Amino acid sequence: MIPPVPSAQVDDLVRTALDAAISLPLGSTAITYCEGQFGEQDGKTANGLVRHSEKYEILSVIDSLQAGADAGAFLDGTPNGIPVVASLAEAIADAGFVPDYLICGVAPADGLLSADQRLVLLDGITRGMHVINGLHEFLNDDAEFVAAALLAGVTITDVRRPKEKKDLHLFSGRIFDVTCPRIAVLGTDGAIGKRTTATLLVQALTAVGLKAVMVGTGQTTLIQGGKYGVALDALVPQFCSGEVEHQVVRAFEGEDPDVIVVEGQGALSHPAYLTSGHILRGSRPQGVIVQHAPKREVLGDFPMVAMPTAASEIALIEAFADTTVIGVTVNHERMADHEIGEAIDALEAELGLPATDPLTRPLDDLVAMVLRAFPELEARVAPAPR
């Protein structure tokens, strides 16, 4: 295996920083609704909020199939005190009060609500909860939801609703003025862990003294409270590259970061999504990390299509854009721990690139991956405490 660059103490720094962040007071309280999908591909919004939220204090997850579980233990094997409950009534009873927000935590490929899902969200509105909706179906255009919200005196936020076209941006070339390294976290499929890896990478880099900023490209990052980002798959394609560029430039000018990490969407090879292409064109990353699930045999929502290999995706990315893949991160779904280690070793041997699993391996492996590709950043890494 390719050895990490920084010391093993880096991971302790990261874990300490994450523990400190978890203990900070959050803003509004929220329940996330994810019936039948928590821990699954179509539950990725709820999954993401359980792992990381800067904007909402997540009190519980609604999924009757997993009721009784601790959400953190169920997802990652580490309890986080967020219970999974069977219904909205049970979630409110568990909280002891009506929380501020009900967040739609499901993210189906078609972006539409089922009849049962509509009833739960309408119930939340009737109880006085604001609704956060990340689907393609805009509830502020639905007469029933609008009327219910008016009667209850609450708001509905359609996270994916684009800005007016007059406020959107075409590609301008301003990305060439961004002088810090830009790293895109792409993948071999949708809902494969790109956002989670990007979030952990930013936290890991920050913990060692680098100023890292994330630019989100999907609805979940925006719901989590990301400062810079756009729901890319809801835009007219003409503006996609320009909006990615605009958000990266905003992050650069607003934060003066050492590194910008751009969240990926879908996969460049995916037959249903083009967003990875816009991310590569708009952010023009100098480095790419590819997230891959070795045990996934077909695309998650498109089982008629076989999964690409990590090698084929890397070749496609490097042929499509003027960039270099700097490492591979593993999604360990359906893998025992020894299989994760074997997969990491096999990828490194095959590709000649560092590989790791951010959720089960030391986070300093991610830092090492970046420093290996951008050694000029090493001078800015804070010394480990004695």
Protein backbone atom coordinates (compact mmCIF):
# COMPACT_ATOMS: atom_id res chain seq x y z
CA MET A 1 0.00 0.00 0.00
CA ILE A 2 1.09 3.60 -0.58
CA PRO A 3 2.06 5.03 2.84
CA PRO A 4 0.33 8.17 4.18
CA VAL A 5 2.34 11.38 4.19
CA PRO A 6 1.38 12.93 7.58
CA SER A 7 1.70 11.28 10.98
CA ALA A 8 -0.92 9.02 12.50
CA GLN A 9 -1.74 11.83 14.92
CA VAL A 10 -3.60 13.59 12.12
CA ASP A 11 -6.55 11.24 12.55
CA ASP A 12 -6.77 12.13 16.25
CA LEU A 13 -6.89 15.80 15.29
CA VAL A 14 -9.69 15.11 12.85
CA ARG A 15 -11.74 13.09 15.32
CA THR A 16 -11.28 15.81 18.00
CA ALA A 17 -12.46 18.47 15.55
CA LEU A 18 -15.49 16.40 14.55
CA ASP A 19 -16.41 15.77 18.19
CA ALA A 20 -16.15 19.51 18.87
CA ALA A 21 -18.34 20.30 15.87
CA ILE A 22 -20.98 17.82 17.02
CA SER A 23 -21.12 19.49 20.44
CA LEU A 24 -21.73 22.98 19.04
CA PRO A 25 -25.27 24.36 19.38
CA LEU A 26 -27.24 24.03 16.17
CA GLY A 27 -30.09 26.09 14.82
CA SER A 28 -33.61 24.88 14.15
CA THR A 29 -34.83 21.46 15.23
CA ALA A 30 -35.92 19.00 12.54
CA ILE A 31 -37.28 15.54 11.87
CA THR A 32 -36.29 13.87 8.62
CA TYR A 33 -38.83 11.68 6.85
CA CYS A 34 -37.37 8.64 5.09
CA GLU A 35 -40.01 5.91 5.17
CA GLY A 36 -38.69 2.60 3.83
CA GLN A 37 -35.46 4.12 2.50
CA PHE A 38 -33.17 4.96 5.43
CA GLY A 39 -29.71 3.61 4.71
CA GLU A 40 -30.68 2.92 1.10
CA GLN A 41 -29.75 4.77 -2.08
CA ASP A 42 -33.05 6.68 -2.25
CA GLY A 43 -32.64 7.74 1.37
CA LYS A 44 -29.42 9.62 0.70
CA THR A 45 -30.75 12.98 1.93
CA ALA A 46 -31.70 11.54 5.32
CA ASN A 47 -28.45 9.56 5.40
CA GLY A 48 -26.48 12.72 4.79
CA LEU A 49 -28.33 14.76 7.41
CA VAL A 50 -27.75 12.09 10.06
CA ARG A 51 -24.03 12.21 9.33
CA HIS A 52 -23.64 15.97 9.01
CA SER A 53 -25.86 19.03 9.40
CA GLU A 54 -24.72 22.58 10.02
CA LYS A 55 -28.20 24.11 9.76
CA TYR A 56 -30.58 21.77 11.60
CA GLU A 57 -30.48 19.75 14.76
CA ILE A 58 -31.79 16.39 13.55
CA LEU A 59 -33.93 14.91 16.33
CA SER A 60 -35.05 11.69 14.65
CA VAL A 61 -35.53 9.80 11.41
CA ILE A 62 -38.91 8.38 10.36
CA ASP A 63 -38.66 4.89 8.84
CA SER A 64 -40.92 2.17 10.22
CA LEU A 65 -38.70 -0.56 8.72
CA GLN A 66 -35.76 0.47 10.93
CA ALA A 67 -37.70 1.79 13.93
CA GLY A 68 -35.90 1.31 17.23
CA ALA A 69 -32.41 1.67 15.78
CA ASP A 70 -29.92 4.41 16.52
CA ALA A 71 -29.42 6.19 13.19
CA GLY A 72 -25.66 6.51 13.51
CA ALA A 73 -25.20 2.91 14.59
CA PHE A 74 -27.41 1.71 11.75
CA LEU A 75 -25.55 3.70 9.09
CA ASP A 76 -21.94 3.58 10.26
CA GLY A 77 -21.73 1.43 13.37
CA THR A 78 -21.27 4.44 15.68
CA PRO A 79 -24.25 5.56 17.82
CA ASN A 80 -25.08 9.26 17.56
CA GLY A 81 -28.22 9.49 19.69
CA ILE A 82 -30.59 10.11 16.78
CA PRO A 83 -33.41 7.56 17.02
CA VAL A 84 -35.21 5.96 14.09
CA VAL A 85 -38.96 5.97 14.74
CA ALA A 86 -42.02 4.55 13.01
CA SER A 87 -44.18 7.63 12.45
CA LEU A 88 -44.40 11.40 12.66
CA ALA A 89 -46.54 11.14 15.79
CA GLU A 90 -43.87 8.98 17.43
CA ALA A 91 -41.12 11.42 16.38
CA ILE A 92 -42.96 14.32 17.99
CA ALA A 93 -43.64 12.30 21.12
CA ASP A 94 -39.95 11.37 21.33
CA ALA A 95 -38.94 15.02 21.01
CA GLY A 96 -41.48 16.16 23.59
CA PHE A 97 -42.50 19.10 21.40
CA VAL A 98 -43.32 19.88 17.78
CA PRO A 99 -39.97 20.48 16.04
CA ASP A 100 -39.52 23.44 13.71
CA TYR A 101 -39.01 21.52 10.48
CA LEU A 102 -40.01 18.34 8.71
CA ILE A 103 -37.40 17.51 6.07
CA CYS A 104 -38.23 15.23 3.16
CA GLY A 105 -35.27 12.85 3.39
CA VAL A 106 -36.11 10.64 0.42
CA ALA A 107 -34.49 11.25 -2.95
CA PRO A 108 -35.98 8.95 -5.61
CA ALA A 109 -34.59 9.10 -9.12
CA ASP A 110 -37.79 10.64 -10.50
CA GLY A 111 -37.85 13.29 -7.78
CA LEU A 112 -41.59 12.87 -7.15
CA LEU A 113 -43.70 12.22 -4.04
CA SER A 114 -45.90 9.19 -3.62
CA ALA A 115 -49.44 9.53 -2.26
CA ASP A 116 -48.37 8.22 1.17
CA GLN A 117 -45.41 10.61 1.31
CA ARG A 118 -47.72 13.54 0.52
CA LEU A 119 -49.91 12.64 3.47
CA VAL A 120 -47.01 12.64 5.94
CA LEU A 121 -45.71 16.02 4.77
CA LEU A 122 -49.22 17.51 4.88
CA ASP A 123 -49.60 16.10 8.39
CA GLY A 124 -46.41 17.87 9.42
CA ILE A 125 -47.72 21.15 8.01
CA THR A 126 -51.01 20.74 9.87
CA ARG A 127 -49.05 20.24 13.10
CA GLY A 128 -47.23 23.54 12.52
CA MET A 129 -43.96 22.31 11.01
CA HIS A 130 -42.17 24.07 8.18
CA VAL A 131 -41.32 21.71 5.31
CA ILE A 132 -37.99 21.39 3.52
CA ASN A 133 -38.39 19.67 0.16
CA GLY A 134 -35.41 18.61 -1.96
CA LEU A 135 -37.36 16.90 -4.74
CA HIS A 136 -37.90 17.97 -8.34
CA GLU A 137 -41.60 18.27 -7.50
CA PHE A 138 -42.02 21.82 -6.18
CA LEU A 139 -44.60 21.89 -3.39
CA ASN A 140 -45.04 25.65 -3.65
CA ASP A 141 -46.67 24.94 -7.04
CA ASP A 142 -49.11 22.46 -5.48
CA ALA A 143 -52.43 24.05 -4.49
CA GLU A 144 -53.07 21.58 -1.68
CA PHE A 145 -49.70 22.20 -0.05
CA VAL A 146 -49.92 25.97 -0.52
CA ALA A 147 -53.36 26.09 1.08
CA ALA A 148 -52.27 23.89 3.99
CA ALA A 149 -49.19 26.03 4.63
CA LEU A 150 -51.23 29.25 4.58
CA LEU A 151 -53.75 27.85 7.07
CA ALA A 152 -50.98 26.61 9.39
CA GLY A 153 -48.84 29.73 9.03
CA VAL A 154 -45.74 27.80 7.99
CA THR A 155 -43.38 27.86 5.03
CA ILE A 156 -42.39 25.35 2.36
CA THR A 157 -38.87 25.54 0.95
CA ASP A 158 -38.28 23.91 -2.44
CA VAL A 159 -34.51 23.54 -2.30
CA ARG A 160 -34.13 22.53 -5.94
CA ARG A 161 -36.04 25.50 -7.38
CA PRO A 162 -33.55 27.38 -9.57
CA LYS A 163 -33.03 31.11 -9.51
CA GLU A 164 -34.63 33.23 -12.21
CA LYS A 165 -32.81 32.83 -15.50
CA LYS A 166 -31.71 36.46 -15.40
CA ASP A 167 -29.79 35.61 -12.21
CA LEU A 168 -28.08 32.49 -13.58
CA HIS A 169 -24.53 32.49 -14.94
CA LEU A 170 -22.96 31.29 -18.15
CA PHE A 171 -19.37 30.11 -18.12
CA SER A 172 -17.21 33.24 -18.03
CA GLY A 173 -13.61 32.09 -17.64
CA ARG A 174 -13.37 33.54 -14.12
CA ILE A 175 -12.39 30.07 -12.94
CA PHE A 176 -8.91 30.80 -14.32
CA ASP A 177 -8.51 33.44 -11.59
CA VAL A 178 -8.96 30.84 -8.85
CA THR A 179 -5.42 30.08 -7.78
CA CYS A 180 -5.90 27.48 -5.03
CA PRO A 181 -6.10 23.75 -5.79
CA ARG A 182 -9.57 22.50 -6.72
CA ILE A 183 -10.47 18.86 -6.10
CA ALA A 184 -13.65 17.29 -7.44
CA VAL A 185 -15.01 14.14 -5.78
CA LEU A 186 -16.59 12.17 -8.61
CA GLY A 187 -17.71 8.55 -8.72
CA THR A 188 -18.73 5.50 -10.72
CA ASP A 189 -22.47 5.79 -9.92
CA GLY A 190 -25.06 8.00 -8.27
CA ALA A 191 -25.67 7.81 -4.50
CA ILE A 192 -22.31 6.14 -3.97
CA GLY A 193 -20.87 8.39 -1.26
CA LYS A 194 -19.38 11.35 -3.11
CA ARG A 195 -20.94 13.95 -0.82
CA THR A 196 -19.94 12.07 2.33
CA THR A 197 -16.35 11.74 1.13
CA ALA A 198 -16.23 15.42 0.11
CA THR A 199 -17.55 16.45 3.53
CA LEU A 200 -15.07 14.26 5.40
CA LEU A 201 -12.23 15.50 3.20
CA VAL A 202 -13.03 19.14 4.03
CA GLN A 203 -13.24 18.31 7.73
CA ALA A 204 -9.97 16.35 7.62
CA LEU A 205 -8.08 19.11 5.82
CA THR A 206 -9.48 21.73 8.18
CA ALA A 207 -8.41 19.70 11.19
CA VAL A 208 -4.77 19.77 10.11
CA GLY A 209 -4.75 23.53 9.64
CA LEU A 210 -5.65 23.92 5.98
CA LYS A 211 -8.52 26.20 5.05
CA ALA A 212 -10.77 23.97 2.98
CA VAL A 213 -14.14 24.97 1.54
CA MET A 214 -16.76 22.74 -0.02
CA VAL A 215 -18.86 23.67 -3.03
CA GLY A 216 -22.03 21.59 -3.16
CA THR A 217 -23.80 20.55 -6.34
CA GLY A 218 -26.85 18.73 -4.94
CA GLN A 219 -29.87 19.39 -2.78
CA THR A 220 -28.63 17.49 0.26
CA THR A 221 -25.55 19.68 0.71
CA LEU A 222 -27.76 22.77 0.53
CA ILE A 223 -30.14 21.32 3.14
CA GLN A 224 -27.17 20.48 5.37
CA GLY A 225 -26.32 24.19 5.38
CA GLY A 226 -23.61 24.43 2.73
CA LYS A 227 -22.66 28.07 2.14
CA TYR A 228 -21.65 27.61 -1.49
CA GLY A 229 -23.51 25.43 -3.95
CA VAL A 230 -26.27 24.87 -6.45
CA ALA A 231 -28.73 22.05 -7.13
CA LEU A 232 -27.16 21.35 -10.47
CA ASP A 233 -29.60 18.77 -11.81
CA ALA A 234 -32.49 21.27 -11.65
CA LEU A 235 -30.89 23.80 -14.00
CA VAL A 236 -31.27 24.38 -17.71
CA PRO A 237 -28.09 22.72 -19.06
CA GLN A 238 -26.88 25.95 -20.69
CA PHE A 239 -26.21 27.42 -17.24
CA CYS A 240 -24.78 24.36 -15.46
CA SER A 241 -21.07 24.91 -16.11
CA GLY A 242 -21.43 28.62 -15.43
CA GLU A 243 -23.23 28.08 -12.13
CA VAL A 244 -20.56 25.64 -10.92
CA GLU A 245 -17.88 28.12 -11.92
CA HIS A 246 -19.76 30.93 -10.17
CA GLN A 247 -20.01 29.02 -6.89
CA VAL A 248 -16.32 28.07 -6.96
CA VAL A 249 -15.35 31.70 -7.62
CA ARG A 250 -17.65 32.84 -4.79
CA ALA A 251 -16.00 30.38 -2.43
CA PHE A 252 -12.53 31.51 -3.50
CA GLU A 253 -13.27 35.22 -3.18
CA GLY A 254 -15.31 34.86 0.00
CA GLU A 255 -13.03 32.53 1.95
CA ASP A 256 -9.48 32.79 0.50
CA PRO A 257 -9.12 29.03 0.99
CA ASP A 258 -6.10 26.77 0.62
CA VAL A 259 -8.24 24.10 -1.10
CA ILE A 260 -11.71 23.99 -2.68
CA VAL A 261 -13.49 20.62 -2.72
CA VAL A 262 -16.32 20.24 -5.25
CA GLU A 263 -19.03 17.66 -4.65
CA GLY A 264 -19.73 15.34 -7.60
CA GLN A 265 -23.04 14.20 -9.03
CA GLY A 266 -23.90 10.95 -10.83
CA ALA A 267 -20.96 9.66 -12.86
CA LEU A 268 -19.36 10.83 -16.07
CA SER A 269 -20.12 7.42 -17.61
CA HIS A 270 -23.72 7.32 -16.36
CA PRO A 271 -26.28 7.13 -19.19
CA ALA A 272 -28.91 9.14 -17.30
CA TYR A 273 -26.88 12.05 -15.90
CA LEU A 274 -24.66 14.73 -17.45
CA THR A 275 -23.88 16.67 -14.30
CA SER A 276 -20.35 15.28 -13.83
CA GLY A 277 -19.42 16.78 -17.19
CA HIS A 278 -20.63 20.21 -16.11
CA ILE A 279 -18.72 19.91 -12.83
CA LEU A 280 -15.50 19.10 -14.68
CA ARG A 281 -16.03 21.92 -17.17
CA GLY A 282 -17.16 24.53 -14.68
CA SER A 283 -14.75 23.93 -11.78
CA ARG A 284 -11.79 22.77 -13.91
CA PRO A 285 -10.32 20.74 -11.02
CA GLN A 286 -6.61 20.04 -10.93
CA GLY A 287 -7.34 16.82 -9.07
CA VAL A 288 -10.18 14.30 -8.92
CA ILE A 289 -10.97 11.66 -6.32
CA VAL A 290 -13.13 8.79 -7.63
CA GLN A 291 -15.60 7.08 -5.28
CA HIS A 292 -16.23 3.44 -6.17
CA ALA A 293 -18.32 0.57 -4.73
CA PRO A 294 -16.44 -2.65 -5.56
CA LYS A 295 -19.40 -4.89 -4.72
CA ARG A 296 -21.99 -2.93 -6.73
CA GLU A 297 -22.60 -4.86 -9.95
CA VAL A 298 -25.21 -2.63 -11.64
CA LEU A 299 -26.07 1.05 -11.45
CA GLY A 300 -28.21 1.75 -8.41
CA ASP A 301 -31.38 3.06 -10.03
CA PHE A 302 -30.67 1.56 -13.45
CA PRO A 303 -30.15 -2.19 -13.01
CA MET A 304 -30.10 -2.74 -16.76
CA VAL A 305 -26.65 -1.09 -16.87
CA ALA A 306 -23.51 -2.73 -15.50
CA MET A 307 -21.27 -0.76 -13.18
CA PRO A 308 -18.10 0.68 -14.72
CA THR A 309 -14.77 -0.23 -13.21
CA ALA A 310 -12.73 2.34 -11.33
CA ALA A 311 -10.10 2.08 -14.08
CA SER A 312 -12.56 2.76 -16.89
CA GLU A 313 -14.07 5.76 -15.06
CA ILE A 314 -10.63 7.20 -14.41
CA ALA A 315 -9.68 6.82 -18.07
CA LEU A 316 -12.90 8.55 -19.13
CA ILE A 317 -12.44 11.45 -16.69
CA GLU A 318 -8.86 12.07 -17.73
CA ALA A 319 -9.77 11.89 -21.42
CA PHE A 320 -12.74 14.25 -20.96
CA ALA A 321 -11.04 16.96 -18.92
CA ASP A 322 -7.61 18.46 -18.36
CA THR A 323 -7.23 16.91 -14.93
CA THR A 324 -5.62 14.05 -13.02
CA VAL A 325 -7.25 11.48 -10.77
CA ILE A 326 -5.31 11.60 -7.49
CA GLY A 327 -6.93 8.73 -5.60
CA VAL A 328 -9.85 6.36 -5.13
CA THR A 329 -12.23 6.11 -2.18
CA VAL A 330 -14.19 2.96 -1.46
CA ASN A 331 -17.88 2.61 -0.66
CA HIS A 332 -17.92 -0.49 1.54
CA GLU A 333 -21.54 -1.56 0.97
CA ARG A 334 -21.99 -5.34 1.34
CA MET A 335 -18.33 -5.73 2.39
CA ALA A 336 -16.80 -7.23 5.53
CA ASP A 337 -13.83 -5.37 7.01
CA HIS A 338 -11.27 -7.77 5.58
CA GLU A 339 -12.87 -7.32 2.14
CA ILE A 340 -12.49 -3.55 2.43
CA GLY A 341 -8.77 -3.94 3.07
CA GLU A 342 -8.43 -6.34 0.18
CA ALA A 343 -10.30 -3.97 -2.13
CA ILE A 344 -8.10 -1.04 -1.11
CA ASP A 345 -4.93 -3.06 -1.72
CA ALA A 346 -6.23 -4.32 -5.09
CA LEU A 347 -7.14 -0.81 -6.29
CA GLU A 348 -3.77 0.58 -5.29
CA ALA A 349 -1.94 -2.26 -7.02
CA GLU A 350 -4.03 -1.99 -10.19
CA LEU A 351 -4.15 1.78 -10.51
CA GLY A 352 -0.93 2.95 -8.87
CA LEU A 353 -2.99 5.44 -6.86
CA PRO A 354 -3.68 5.77 -3.13
CA ALA A 355 -7.02 4.33 -2.02
CA THR A 356 -8.97 4.38 1.23
CA ASP A 357 -12.42 4.05 2.77
CA PRO A 358 -13.18 7.35 4.55
CA LEU A 359 -15.79 5.79 6.83
CA THR A 360 -13.73 2.87 8.14
CA ARG A 361 -10.10 3.89 7.70
CA PRO A 362 -8.09 6.75 9.27
CA LEU A 363 -9.06 10.14 7.90
CA ASP A 364 -5.39 11.08 7.59
CA ASP A 365 -5.39 8.80 4.53
CA LEU A 366 -7.52 11.43 2.79
CA VAL A 367 -5.14 14.19 3.84
CA ALA A 368 -2.20 12.15 2.60
CA MET A 369 -3.94 11.67 -0.74
CA VAL A 370 -4.23 15.44 -1.18
CA LEU A 371 -0.71 16.24 0.03
CA ARG A 372 0.73 13.61 -2.29
CA ALA A 373 -0.91 15.37 -5.24
CA PHE A 374 -0.34 18.94 -4.00
CA PRO A 375 2.90 18.91 -1.97
CA GLU A 376 2.93 22.71 -1.90
CA LEU A 377 0.18 22.50 0.73
CA GLU A 378 2.43 20.68 3.22
CA ALA A 379 3.99 23.95 4.38
CA ARG A 380 0.57 25.11 5.57
CA VAL A 381 -0.25 22.00 7.59
CA ALA A 382 -0.27 22.75 11.32
CA PRO A 383 2.32 20.80 13.33
CA ALA A 384 0.91 17.94 15.36
CA PRO A 385 0.59 18.70 19.09
CA ARG A 386 3.27 17.23 21.34
